[in-house]
Amino acid sequence: MIMTNLGPNPDSTGSRETPRHKTPLWVKGFLVVAAVLVVTFAVIHLSGGGMVMNHTP
């Protein structure tokens, strides 16, 4: 699974290694939204569609 390559997994590394777990919920939400936007952007460009492709002849 490629998700494990993005960073340390709290379930596998253990919460004892990171006692200062102060990541706000809005940060996680922002990362999720950013990931969705990046994936959507990539899919639109790979499929050759989207309004951003209108400038190409």
PDB file of N, CA and C in Angstrom:
ATOM      1  N   MET A   1       0.844  -1.192   0.000  1.00  0.00           N
ATOM      2  CA  MET A   1       0.000   0.000   0.000  1.00  0.00           C
ATOM      3  C   MET A   1       0.886   1.252   0.000  1.00  0.00           C
ATOM      4  N   ILE A   2       0.608   2.175  -0.912  1.00  0.00           N
ATOM      5  CA  ILE A   2       1.474   3.338  -1.064  1.00  0.00           C
ATOM      6  C   ILE A   2       1.246   4.375   0.028  1.00  0.00           C
ATOM      7  N   MET A   3       0.163   4.245   0.792  1.00  0.00           N
ATOM      8  CA  MET A   3      -0.133   5.219   1.835  1.00  0.00           C
ATOM      9  C   MET A   3       0.936   5.202   2.924  1.00  0.00           C
ATOM     10  N   THR A   4       1.621   4.068   3.106  1.00  0.00           N
ATOM     11  CA  THR A   4       2.613   3.967   4.172  1.00  0.00           C
ATOM     12  C   THR A   4       3.874   4.743   3.821  1.00  0.00           C
ATOM     13  N   ASN A   5       4.065   5.075   2.545  1.00  0.00           N
ATOM     14  CA  ASN A   5       5.267   5.784   2.120  1.00  0.00           C
ATOM     15  C   ASN A   5       5.155   7.291   2.333  1.00  0.00           C
ATOM     16  N   LEU A   6       3.958   7.784   2.602  1.00  0.00           N
ATOM     17  CA  LEU A   6       3.763   9.221   2.748  1.00  0.00           C
ATOM     18  C   LEU A   6       4.301   9.731   4.076  1.00  0.00           C
ATOM     19  N   GLY A   7       4.380   8.864   5.076  1.00  0.00           N
ATOM     20  CA  GLY A   7       4.869   9.314   6.377  1.00  0.00           C
ATOM     21  C   GLY A   7       4.715   8.210   7.405  1.00  0.00           C
ATOM     22  N   PRO A   8       5.200   8.452   8.611  1.00  0.00           N
ATOM     23  CA  PRO A   8       5.101   7.439   9.674  1.00  0.00           C
ATOM     24  C   PRO A   8       3.657   7.195  10.067  1.00  0.00           C
ATOM     25  N   ASN A   9       3.294   5.943  10.174  1.00  0.00           N
ATOM     26  CA  ASN A   9       1.934   5.577  10.534  1.00  0.00           C
ATOM     27  C   ASN A   9       1.815   5.546  12.054  1.00  0.00           C
ATOM     28  N   PRO A  10       0.894   6.308  12.642  1.00  0.00           N
ATOM     29  CA  PRO A  10       0.754   6.339  14.112  1.00  0.00           C
ATOM     30  C   PRO A  10       0.448   4.959  14.689  1.00  0.00           C
ATOM     31  N   ASP A  11      -0.202   4.104  13.907  1.00  0.00           N
ATOM     32  CA  ASP A  11      -0.556   2.775  14.401  1.00  0.00           C
ATOM     33  C   ASP A  11       0.667   1.873  14.480  1.00  0.00           C
ATOM     34  N   SER A  12       1.610   2.041  13.560  1.00  0.00           N
ATOM     35  CA  SER A  12       2.768   1.153  13.522  1.00  0.00           C
ATOM     36  C   SER A  12       3.924   1.694  14.368  1.00  0.00           C
ATOM     37  N   THR A  13       4.116   3.015  14.384  1.00  0.00           N
ATOM     38  CA  THR A  13       5.240   3.594  15.120  1.00  0.00           C
ATOM     39  C   THR A  13       4.941   3.676  16.612  1.00  0.00           C
ATOM     40  N   GLY A  14       3.677   3.788  16.960  1.00  0.00           N
ATOM     41  CA  GLY A  14       3.311   3.884  18.370  1.00  0.00           C
ATOM     42  C   GLY A  14       3.175   5.332  18.791  1.00  0.00           C
ATOM     43  N   SER A  15       2.192   5.624  19.625  1.00  0.00           N
ATOM     44  CA  SER A  15       1.945   7.002  20.054  1.00  0.00           C
ATOM     45  C   SER A  15       2.978   7.460  21.077  1.00  0.00           C
ATOM     46  N   ARG A  16       3.771   6.536  21.629  1.00  0.00           N
ATOM     47  CA  ARG A  16       4.762   6.912  22.640  1.00  0.00           C
ATOM     48  C   ARG A  16       5.898   7.719  22.023  1.00  0.00           C
ATOM     49  N   GLU A  17       6.129   7.550  20.710  1.00  0.00           N
ATOM     50  CA  GLU A  17       7.222   8.272  20.064  1.00  0.00           C
ATOM     51  C   GLU A  17       6.839   9.720  19.787  1.00  0.00           C
ATOM     52  N   THR A  18       5.556  10.012  19.741  1.00  0.00           N
ATOM     53  CA  THR A  18       5.093  11.372  19.473  1.00  0.00           C
ATOM     54  C   THR A  18       4.126  11.814  20.575  1.00  0.00           C
ATOM     55  N   PRO A  19       4.661  12.171  21.738  1.00  0.00           N
ATOM     56  CA  PRO A  19       3.791  12.598  22.850  1.00  0.00           C
ATOM     57  C   PRO A  19       3.145  13.950  22.587  1.00  0.00           C
ATOM     58  N   ARG A  20       3.775  14.764  21.731  1.00  0.00           N
ATOM     59  CA  ARG A  20       3.236  16.095  21.434  1.00  0.00           C
ATOM     60  C   ARG A  20       2.391  16.050  20.174  1.00  0.00           C
ATOM     61  N   HIS A  21       1.314  15.282  20.232  1.00  0.00           N
ATOM     62  CA  HIS A  21       0.434  15.161  19.072  1.00  0.00           C
ATOM     63  C   HIS A  21      -0.529  16.337  19.083  1.00  0.00           C
ATOM     64  N   LYS A  22      -0.121  17.406  18.389  1.00  0.00           N
ATOM     65  CA  LYS A  22      -0.915  18.634  18.412  1.00  0.00           C
ATOM     66  C   LYS A  22      -1.335  19.060  17.010  1.00  0.00           C
ATOM     67  N   THR A  23      -1.583  18.081  16.139  1.00  0.00           N
ATOM     68  CA  THR A  23      -2.039  18.402  14.789  1.00  0.00           C
ATOM     69  C   THR A  23      -3.529  18.718  14.826  1.00  0.00           C
ATOM     70  N   PRO A  24      -3.900  19.957  14.509  1.00  0.00           N
ATOM     71  CA  PRO A  24      -5.320  20.346  14.550  1.00  0.00           C
ATOM     72  C   PRO A  24      -6.138  19.575  13.522  1.00  0.00           C
ATOM     73  N   LEU A  25      -7.438  19.483  13.773  1.00  0.00           N
ATOM     74  CA  LEU A  25      -8.312  18.744  12.863  1.00  0.00           C
ATOM     75  C   LEU A  25      -8.419  19.452  11.517  1.00  0.00           C
ATOM     76  N   TRP A  26      -8.376  20.795  11.542  1.00  0.00           N
ATOM     77  CA  TRP A  26      -8.511  21.526  10.280  1.00  0.00           C
ATOM     78  C   TRP A  26      -7.307  21.301   9.380  1.00  0.00           C
ATOM     79  N   VAL A  27      -6.156  20.995   9.972  1.00  0.00           N
ATOM     80  CA  VAL A  27      -4.975  20.705   9.156  1.00  0.00           C
ATOM     81  C   VAL A  27      -5.176  19.395   8.409  1.00  0.00           C
ATOM     82  N   LYS A  28      -5.704  18.392   9.111  1.00  0.00           N
ATOM     83  CA  LYS A  28      -5.962  17.107   8.465  1.00  0.00           C
ATOM     84  C   LYS A  28      -7.009  17.274   7.370  1.00  0.00           C
ATOM     85  N   GLY A  29      -8.034  18.062   7.658  1.00  0.00           N
ATOM     86  CA  GLY A  29      -9.077  18.298   6.667  1.00  0.00           C
ATOM     87  C   GLY A  29      -8.522  19.015   5.449  1.00  0.00           C
ATOM     88  N   PHE A  30      -7.637  19.981   5.684  1.00  0.00           N
ATOM     89  CA  PHE A  30      -7.022  20.711   4.578  1.00  0.00           C
ATOM     90  C   PHE A  30      -6.176  19.782   3.720  1.00  0.00           C
ATOM     91  N   LEU A  31      -5.426  18.883   4.369  1.00  0.00           N
ATOM     92  CA  LEU A  31      -4.586  17.944   3.620  1.00  0.00           C
ATOM     93  C   LEU A  31      -5.446  17.004   2.790  1.00  0.00           C
ATOM     94  N   VAL A  32      -6.574  16.576   3.337  1.00  0.00           N
ATOM     95  CA  VAL A  32      -7.473  15.687   2.597  1.00  0.00           C
ATOM     96  C   VAL A  32      -8.044  16.408   1.385  1.00  0.00           C
ATOM     97  N   VAL A  33      -8.489  17.651   1.589  1.00  0.00           N
ATOM     98  CA  VAL A  33      -9.046  18.434   0.480  1.00  0.00           C
ATOM     99  C   VAL A  33      -7.976  18.696  -0.572  1.00  0.00           C
ATOM    100  N   ALA A  34      -6.757  19.018  -0.135  1.00  0.00           N
ATOM    101  CA  ALA A  34      -5.666  19.272  -1.075  1.00  0.00           C
ATOM    102  C   ALA A  34      -5.352  18.018  -1.879  1.00  0.00           C
ATOM    103  N   ALA A  35      -5.351  16.867  -1.229  1.00  0.00           N
ATOM    104  CA  ALA A  35      -5.067  15.611  -1.927  1.00  0.00           C
ATOM    105  C   ALA A  35      -6.144  15.326  -2.968  1.00  0.00           C
ATOM    106  N   VAL A  36      -7.402  15.570  -2.602  1.00  0.00           N
ATOM    107  CA  VAL A  36      -8.502  15.343  -3.545  1.00  0.00           C
ATOM    108  C   VAL A  36      -8.377  16.279  -4.743  1.00  0.00           C
ATOM    109  N   LEU A  37      -8.028  17.543  -4.495  1.00  0.00           N
ATOM    110  CA  LEU A  37      -7.876  18.496  -5.590  1.00  0.00           C
ATOM    111  C   LEU A  37      -6.730  18.102  -6.513  1.00  0.00           C
ATOM    112  N   VAL A  38      -5.625  17.650  -5.941  1.00  0.00           N
ATOM    113  CA  VAL A  38      -4.477  17.245  -6.755  1.00  0.00           C
ATOM    114  C   VAL A  38      -4.829  16.040  -7.611  1.00  0.00           C
ATOM    115  N   VAL A  39      -5.506  15.063  -7.018  1.00  0.00           N
ATOM    116  CA  VAL A  39      -5.895  13.864  -7.767  1.00  0.00           C
ATOM    117  C   VAL A  39      -6.875  14.233  -8.875  1.00  0.00           C
ATOM    118  N   THR A  40      -7.842  15.086  -8.554  1.00  0.00           N
ATOM    119  CA  THR A  40      -8.817  15.512  -9.563  1.00  0.00           C
ATOM    120  C   THR A  40      -8.127  16.265 -10.695  1.00  0.00           C
ATOM    121  N   PHE A  41      -7.199  17.149 -10.354  1.00  0.00           N
ATOM    122  CA  PHE A  41      -6.451  17.914 -11.351  1.00  0.00           C
ATOM    123  C   PHE A  41      -5.663  16.979 -12.266  1.00  0.00           C
ATOM    124  N   ALA A  42      -5.011  15.975 -11.670  1.00  0.00           N
ATOM    125  CA  ALA A  42      -4.211  15.030 -12.453  1.00  0.00           C
ATOM    126  C   ALA A  42      -5.104  14.203 -13.372  1.00  0.00           C
ATOM    127  N   VAL A  43      -6.237  13.745 -12.866  1.00  0.00           N
ATOM    128  CA  VAL A  43      -7.145  12.921 -13.673  1.00  0.00           C
ATOM    129  C   VAL A  43      -7.686  13.723 -14.852  1.00  0.00           C
ATOM    130  N   ILE A  44      -8.040  14.985 -14.608  1.00  0.00           N
ATOM    131  CA  ILE A  44      -8.580  15.824 -15.682  1.00  0.00           C
ATOM    132  C   ILE A  44      -7.529  16.040 -16.769  1.00  0.00           C
ATOM    133  N   HIS A  45      -6.293  16.282 -16.380  1.00  0.00           N
ATOM    134  CA  HIS A  45      -5.247  16.512 -17.371  1.00  0.00           C
ATOM    135  C   HIS A  45      -4.870  15.234 -18.097  1.00  0.00           C
ATOM    136  N   LEU A  46      -4.820  14.123 -17.379  1.00  0.00           N
ATOM    137  CA  LEU A  46      -4.464  12.855 -18.019  1.00  0.00           C
ATOM    138  C   LEU A  46      -5.551  12.415 -18.988  1.00  0.00           C
ATOM    139  N   SER A  47      -6.799  12.768 -18.703  1.00  0.00           N
ATOM    140  CA  SER A  47      -7.894  12.380 -19.586  1.00  0.00           C
ATOM    141  C   SER A  47      -8.005  13.341 -20.766  1.00  0.00           C
ATOM    142  N   GLY A  48      -7.274  14.451 -20.729  1.00  0.00           N
ATOM    143  CA  GLY A  48      -7.272  15.401 -21.834  1.00  0.00           C
ATOM    144  C   GLY A  48      -8.479  16.311 -21.834  1.00  0.00           C
ATOM    145  N   GLY A  49      -9.183  16.410 -20.737  1.00  0.00           N
ATOM    146  CA  GLY A  49     -10.369  17.259 -20.666  1.00  0.00           C
ATOM    147  C   GLY A  49     -10.145  18.430 -19.736  1.00  0.00           C
ATOM    148  N   GLY A  50     -11.226  19.128 -19.420  1.00  0.00           N
ATOM    149  CA  GLY A  50     -11.118  20.246 -18.489  1.00  0.00           C
ATOM    150  C   GLY A  50     -11.042  21.573 -19.204  1.00  0.00           C
ATOM    151  N   MET A  51     -11.479  22.636 -18.531  1.00  0.00           N
ATOM    152  CA  MET A  51     -11.485  23.966 -19.136  1.00  0.00           C
ATOM    153  C   MET A  51     -10.075  24.512 -19.301  1.00  0.00           C
ATOM    154  N   VAL A  52      -9.117  24.010 -18.521  1.00  0.00           N
ATOM    155  CA  VAL A  52      -7.755  24.517 -18.598  1.00  0.00           C
ATOM    156  C   VAL A  52      -7.076  24.091 -19.894  1.00  0.00           C
ATOM    157  N   MET A  53      -7.674  23.147 -20.604  1.00  0.00           N
ATOM    158  CA  MET A  53      -7.063  22.655 -21.836  1.00  0.00           C
ATOM    159  C   MET A  53      -7.584  23.402 -23.061  1.00  0.00           C
ATOM    160  N   ASN A  54      -8.432  24.402 -22.868  1.00  0.00           N
ATOM    161  CA  ASN A  54      -9.032  25.112 -23.993  1.00  0.00           C
ATOM    162  C   ASN A  54      -8.021  25.961 -24.750  1.00  0.00           C
ATOM    163  N   HIS A  55      -6.910  26.323 -24.124  1.00  0.00           N
ATOM    164  CA  HIS A  55      -5.940  27.191 -24.785  1.00  0.00           C
ATOM    165  C   HIS A  55      -5.062  26.417 -25.761  1.00  0.00           C
ATOM    166  N   THR A  56      -5.147  25.088 -25.734  1.00  0.00           N
ATOM    167  CA  THR A  56      -4.328  24.286 -26.644  1.00  0.00           C
ATOM    168  C   THR A  56      -5.022  24.166 -27.989  1.00  0.00           C
ATOM    169  N   PRO A  57      -4.282  24.202 -29.083  1.00  0.00           N
ATOM    170  CA  PRO A  57      -4.890  24.117 -30.421  1.00  0.00           C
ATOM    171  C   PRO A  57      -5.474  22.739 -30.689  1.00  0.00           C
TER     172      PRO A  57
END
